[in-house]
Amino acid sequence: MTIQEIRKLFAYNAWATNRMFDALTRIPEADYRHDLKSSHRSLHGTATHLVAAEKIWLSRLVKKPETALTTEQDAPSLQLLKKTWEAIAARTARFVSKLDDNSLEGSLEYVTTEGKKFTNSLVQILQHVINHSSYHRGQVAAMIRQVGAEPINTDLITFFRHVGR
């Protein structure tokens, strides 16, 4: 995988997550908070988890690792969560813009929130971040349907169609 491909995937990730937040702004608060029996209970819980994971991975990548995930109490409203996401997305874009093809094969040793040590290549970690967020955006889309609303399409091909190659 090349740095150009990674940059394109991170541009897609930001586009798709922004669209997810746009869809969430149309959901009534009661539905946004309702326990839908998903892995992170509510739409707020799932969106918070997505943002928290991107934040903690970024902290590891920039060598300032955090030890705990952002919680729903840290971002108690959709507006605050979106602001947190926007700051993370901007910092992530800056980080990715400084990478080159050679840096992708470098490795990163990190400690999980459970205290386990791992080492992975940078490209593996970056691919994981994209995959993880896509997975949870899919959950959010299904949950939005559960509350009777229409999610926004965040498919990769839709991104290519909207922003071009």
C-alpha atoms as a PDB file:
ATOM      1  CA  MET A   1       0.000   0.000   0.000  1.00  0.00           C
ATOM      2  CA  THR A   2       1.313   3.459  -0.857  1.00  0.00           C
ATOM      3  CA  ILE A   3       1.109   6.690   1.077  1.00  0.00           C
ATOM      4  CA  GLN A   4      -1.180   8.087  -1.641  1.00  0.00           C
ATOM      5  CA  GLU A   5      -3.606   5.217  -1.049  1.00  0.00           C
ATOM      6  CA  ILE A   6      -3.430   5.757   2.719  1.00  0.00           C
ATOM      7  CA  ARG A   7      -4.109   9.480   2.291  1.00  0.00           C
ATOM      8  CA  LYS A   8      -7.089   8.715   0.066  1.00  0.00           C
ATOM      9  CA  LEU A   9      -8.471   6.290   2.657  1.00  0.00           C
ATOM     10  CA  PHE A  10      -8.091   8.866   5.425  1.00  0.00           C
ATOM     11  CA  ALA A  11      -9.803  11.489   3.276  1.00  0.00           C
ATOM     12  CA  TYR A  12     -12.605   8.976   2.776  1.00  0.00           C
ATOM     13  CA  ASN A  13     -12.727   8.240   6.499  1.00  0.00           C
ATOM     14  CA  ALA A  14     -13.118  11.928   7.372  1.00  0.00           C
ATOM     15  CA  TRP A  15     -15.761  12.409   4.661  1.00  0.00           C
ATOM     16  CA  ALA A  16     -17.732   9.357   5.807  1.00  0.00           C
ATOM     17  CA  THR A  17     -17.570  10.211   9.503  1.00  0.00           C
ATOM     18  CA  ASN A  18     -18.662  13.784   8.798  1.00  0.00           C
ATOM     19  CA  ARG A  19     -21.631  12.377   6.856  1.00  0.00           C
ATOM     20  CA  MET A  20     -22.420  10.097   9.790  1.00  0.00           C
ATOM     21  CA  PHE A  21     -22.490  13.123  12.100  1.00  0.00           C
ATOM     22  CA  ASP A  22     -24.742  14.950   9.618  1.00  0.00           C
ATOM     23  CA  ALA A  23     -27.177  12.026   9.753  1.00  0.00           C
ATOM     24  CA  LEU A  24     -27.064  11.965  13.553  1.00  0.00           C
ATOM     25  CA  THR A  25     -28.023  15.644  13.797  1.00  0.00           C
ATOM     26  CA  ARG A  26     -31.433  14.710  12.352  1.00  0.00           C
ATOM     27  CA  ILE A  27     -32.152  12.102  15.023  1.00  0.00           C
ATOM     28  CA  PRO A  28     -34.333  13.150  17.974  1.00  0.00           C
ATOM     29  CA  GLU A  29     -32.394  13.208  21.254  1.00  0.00           C
ATOM     30  CA  ALA A  30     -34.482  10.409  22.793  1.00  0.00           C
ATOM     31  CA  ASP A  31     -33.712   8.136  19.830  1.00  0.00           C
ATOM     32  CA  TYR A  32     -30.048   9.189  19.848  1.00  0.00           C
ATOM     33  CA  ARG A  33     -29.766   8.090  23.496  1.00  0.00           C
ATOM     34  CA  HIS A  34     -32.071   5.045  23.350  1.00  0.00           C
ATOM     35  CA  ASP A  35     -30.451   1.702  24.259  1.00  0.00           C
ATOM     36  CA  LEU A  36     -30.712  -0.297  21.038  1.00  0.00           C
ATOM     37  CA  LYS A  37     -28.921  -3.317  22.518  1.00  0.00           C
ATOM     38  CA  SER A  38     -25.918  -2.813  20.250  1.00  0.00           C
ATOM     39  CA  SER A  39     -22.309  -3.348  21.286  1.00  0.00           C
ATOM     40  CA  HIS A  40     -22.133   0.259  22.507  1.00  0.00           C
ATOM     41  CA  ARG A  41     -25.829   0.491  23.382  1.00  0.00           C
ATOM     42  CA  SER A  42     -26.972   3.741  21.794  1.00  0.00           C
ATOM     43  CA  LEU A  43     -26.166   5.867  18.778  1.00  0.00           C
ATOM     44  CA  HIS A  44     -24.307   8.177  21.151  1.00  0.00           C
ATOM     45  CA  GLY A  45     -22.374   5.282  22.659  1.00  0.00           C
ATOM     46  CA  THR A  46     -21.378   3.916  19.253  1.00  0.00           C
ATOM     47  CA  ALA A  47     -20.388   7.311  17.840  1.00  0.00           C
ATOM     48  CA  THR A  48     -18.415   8.014  21.016  1.00  0.00           C
ATOM     49  CA  HIS A  49     -16.586   4.702  20.667  1.00  0.00           C
ATOM     50  CA  LEU A  50     -15.675   5.469  17.043  1.00  0.00           C
ATOM     51  CA  VAL A  51     -14.248   8.861  18.034  1.00  0.00           C
ATOM     52  CA  ALA A  52     -12.527   7.451  21.128  1.00  0.00           C
ATOM     53  CA  ALA A  53     -10.767   4.759  19.114  1.00  0.00           C
ATOM     54  CA  GLU A  54      -9.498   7.221  16.513  1.00  0.00           C
ATOM     55  CA  LYS A  55      -8.312   9.505  19.304  1.00  0.00           C
ATOM     56  CA  ILE A  56      -6.412   6.810  21.164  1.00  0.00           C
ATOM     57  CA  TRP A  57      -4.791   5.460  17.996  1.00  0.00           C
ATOM     58  CA  LEU A  58      -3.715   8.975  17.039  1.00  0.00           C
ATOM     59  CA  SER A  59      -2.213   9.459  20.510  1.00  0.00           C
ATOM     60  CA  ARG A  60      -0.153   6.304  19.993  1.00  0.00           C
ATOM     61  CA  LEU A  61       0.918   7.339  16.500  1.00  0.00           C
ATOM     62  CA  VAL A  62       2.169  10.740  17.667  1.00  0.00           C
ATOM     63  CA  LYS A  63       4.021   9.111  20.583  1.00  0.00           C
ATOM     64  CA  LYS A  64       1.823  10.674  23.293  1.00  0.00           C
ATOM     65  CA  PRO A  65      -0.214   7.604  24.190  1.00  0.00           C
ATOM     66  CA  GLU A  66      -3.319   7.981  26.250  1.00  0.00           C
ATOM     67  CA  THR A  67      -4.265   5.143  28.557  1.00  0.00           C
ATOM     68  CA  ALA A  68      -8.055   5.406  28.537  1.00  0.00           C
ATOM     69  CA  LEU A  69     -10.727   5.768  25.912  1.00  0.00           C
ATOM     70  CA  THR A  70     -12.894   8.866  25.727  1.00  0.00           C
ATOM     71  CA  THR A  71     -16.211   8.137  27.418  1.00  0.00           C
ATOM     72  CA  GLU A  72     -19.753   9.339  26.873  1.00  0.00           C
ATOM     73  CA  GLN A  73     -19.289  11.565  29.931  1.00  0.00           C
ATOM     74  CA  ASP A  74     -16.261  13.221  28.265  1.00  0.00           C
ATOM     75  CA  ALA A  75     -18.452  14.213  25.303  1.00  0.00           C
ATOM     76  CA  PRO A  76     -21.983  14.336  26.723  1.00  0.00           C
ATOM     77  CA  SER A  77     -23.645  15.833  23.643  1.00  0.00           C
ATOM     78  CA  LEU A  78     -23.587  15.205  19.927  1.00  0.00           C
ATOM     79  CA  GLN A  79     -22.245  18.731  19.406  1.00  0.00           C
ATOM     80  CA  LEU A  80     -19.302  18.197  21.783  1.00  0.00           C
ATOM     81  CA  LEU A  81     -18.580  14.789  20.291  1.00  0.00           C
ATOM     82  CA  LYS A  82     -18.525  16.279  16.795  1.00  0.00           C
ATOM     83  CA  LYS A  83     -16.125  19.019  17.941  1.00  0.00           C
ATOM     84  CA  THR A  84     -13.866  16.345  19.437  1.00  0.00           C
ATOM     85  CA  TRP A  85     -14.023  14.400  16.172  1.00  0.00           C
ATOM     86  CA  GLU A  86     -13.197  17.498  14.091  1.00  0.00           C
ATOM     87  CA  ALA A  87     -10.073  18.158  16.193  1.00  0.00           C
ATOM     88  CA  ILE A  88      -8.964  14.528  15.885  1.00  0.00           C
ATOM     89  CA  ALA A  89      -9.609  14.508  12.142  1.00  0.00           C
ATOM     90  CA  ALA A  90      -7.517  17.655  11.688  1.00  0.00           C
ATOM     91  CA  ARG A  91      -4.638  16.264  13.757  1.00  0.00           C
ATOM     92  CA  THR A  92      -4.839  12.950  11.919  1.00  0.00           C
ATOM     93  CA  ALA A  93      -4.755  14.705   8.538  1.00  0.00           C
ATOM     94  CA  ARG A  94      -1.621  16.597   9.611  1.00  0.00           C
ATOM     95  CA  PHE A  95       0.005  13.373  10.802  1.00  0.00           C
ATOM     96  CA  VAL A  96      -0.812  11.480   7.603  1.00  0.00           C
ATOM     97  CA  SER A  97       0.359  14.407   5.435  1.00  0.00           C
ATOM     98  CA  LYS A  98       3.856  14.076   6.917  1.00  0.00           C
ATOM     99  CA  LEU A  99       4.217  10.375   6.123  1.00  0.00           C
ATOM    100  CA  ASP A 100       5.948   8.911   3.096  1.00  0.00           C
ATOM    101  CA  ASP A 101       6.033   5.446   1.560  1.00  0.00           C
ATOM    102  CA  ASN A 102       9.082   4.424   3.582  1.00  0.00           C
ATOM    103  CA  SER A 103       7.506   5.362   6.898  1.00  0.00           C
ATOM    104  CA  LEU A 104       4.566   3.014   6.313  1.00  0.00           C
ATOM    105  CA  GLU A 105       6.695  -0.051   6.951  1.00  0.00           C
ATOM    106  CA  GLY A 106       8.072   1.310  10.195  1.00  0.00           C
ATOM    107  CA  SER A 107       6.705  -0.292  13.312  1.00  0.00           C
ATOM    108  CA  LEU A 108       5.029   1.019  16.402  1.00  0.00           C
ATOM    109  CA  GLU A 109       5.089  -0.584  19.815  1.00  0.00           C
ATOM    110  CA  TYR A 110       2.063   0.329  21.899  1.00  0.00           C
ATOM    111  CA  VAL A 111       0.114  -0.698  24.970  1.00  0.00           C
ATOM    112  CA  THR A 112      -3.626  -1.303  24.748  1.00  0.00           C
ATOM    113  CA  THR A 113      -6.108   0.070  27.237  1.00  0.00           C
ATOM    114  CA  GLU A 114      -6.068  -3.416  28.777  1.00  0.00           C
ATOM    115  CA  GLY A 115      -2.299  -3.110  29.346  1.00  0.00           C
ATOM    116  CA  LYS A 116      -1.189  -5.561  26.628  1.00  0.00           C
ATOM    117  CA  LYS A 117       1.899  -4.731  24.533  1.00  0.00           C
ATOM    118  CA  PHE A 118       1.860  -5.144  20.774  1.00  0.00           C
ATOM    119  CA  THR A 119       3.974  -4.118  17.811  1.00  0.00           C
ATOM    120  CA  ASN A 120       2.520  -3.566  14.343  1.00  0.00           C
ATOM    121  CA  SER A 121       3.659  -1.855  11.204  1.00  0.00           C
ATOM    122  CA  LEU A 122       2.386   1.659  10.700  1.00  0.00           C
ATOM    123  CA  VAL A 123       0.494   0.622   7.575  1.00  0.00           C
ATOM    124  CA  GLN A 124      -1.310  -2.112   9.527  1.00  0.00           C
ATOM    125  CA  ILE A 125      -2.353   0.341  12.211  1.00  0.00           C
ATOM    126  CA  LEU A 126      -3.558   2.906   9.686  1.00  0.00           C
ATOM    127  CA  GLN A 127      -5.552   0.244   7.836  1.00  0.00           C
ATOM    128  CA  HIS A 128      -7.040  -0.876  11.140  1.00  0.00           C
ATOM    129  CA  VAL A 129      -8.172   2.652  12.039  1.00  0.00           C
ATOM    130  CA  ILE A 130     -10.026   2.948   8.720  1.00  0.00           C
ATOM    131  CA  ASN A 131     -11.554  -0.518   9.016  1.00  0.00           C
ATOM    132  CA  HIS A 132     -12.620   0.015  12.634  1.00  0.00           C
ATOM    133  CA  SER A 133     -14.361   3.288  11.845  1.00  0.00           C
ATOM    134  CA  SER A 134     -16.093   1.788   8.800  1.00  0.00           C
ATOM    135  CA  TYR A 135     -17.361  -1.077  10.942  1.00  0.00           C
ATOM    136  CA  HIS A 136     -18.879   1.252  13.508  1.00  0.00           C
ATOM    137  CA  ARG A 137     -20.315   3.621  10.885  1.00  0.00           C
ATOM    138  CA  GLY A 138     -22.124   0.551   9.557  1.00  0.00           C
ATOM    139  CA  GLN A 139     -23.500  -0.102  13.036  1.00  0.00           C
ATOM    140  CA  VAL A 140     -24.633   3.517  13.260  1.00  0.00           C
ATOM    141  CA  ALA A 141     -26.406   3.212   9.899  1.00  0.00           C
ATOM    142  CA  ALA A 142     -28.261   0.103  11.086  1.00  0.00           C
ATOM    143  CA  MET A 143     -29.173   1.790  14.376  1.00  0.00           C
ATOM    144  CA  ILE A 144     -30.458   4.867  12.539  1.00  0.00           C
ATOM    145  CA  ARG A 145     -32.772   2.547  10.590  1.00  0.00           C
ATOM    146  CA  GLN A 146     -33.878   0.943  13.877  1.00  0.00           C
ATOM    147  CA  VAL A 147     -35.150   4.315  15.108  1.00  0.00           C
ATOM    148  CA  GLY A 148     -37.058   4.826  11.859  1.00  0.00           C
ATOM    149  CA  ALA A 149     -34.739   7.320  10.170  1.00  0.00           C
ATOM    150  CA  GLU A 150     -32.690   7.192   6.982  1.00  0.00           C
ATOM    151  CA  PRO A 151     -28.888   6.953   7.226  1.00  0.00           C
ATOM    152  CA  ILE A 152     -26.570   8.689   4.794  1.00  0.00           C
ATOM    153  CA  ASN A 153     -24.617   6.520   2.376  1.00  0.00           C
ATOM    154  CA  THR A 154     -20.953   6.370   3.389  1.00  0.00           C
ATOM    155  CA  ASP A 155     -19.758   3.704   0.951  1.00  0.00           C
ATOM    156  CA  LEU A 156     -16.266   4.126  -0.452  1.00  0.00           C
ATOM    157  CA  ILE A 157     -17.567   4.129  -4.024  1.00  0.00           C
ATOM    158  CA  THR A 158     -19.929   6.977  -3.079  1.00  0.00           C
ATOM    159  CA  PHE A 159     -16.918   8.933  -1.831  1.00  0.00           C
ATOM    160  CA  PHE A 160     -15.159   8.370  -5.156  1.00  0.00           C
ATOM    161  CA  ARG A 161     -18.252   9.487  -7.029  1.00  0.00           C
ATOM    162  CA  HIS A 162     -18.580  12.653  -4.903  1.00  0.00           C
ATOM    163  CA  VAL A 163     -14.972  13.765  -4.787  1.00  0.00           C
ATOM    164  CA  GLY A 164     -13.596  12.165  -7.923  1.00  0.00           C
ATOM    165  CA  ARG A 165     -10.479  10.092  -8.205  1.00  0.00           C
END
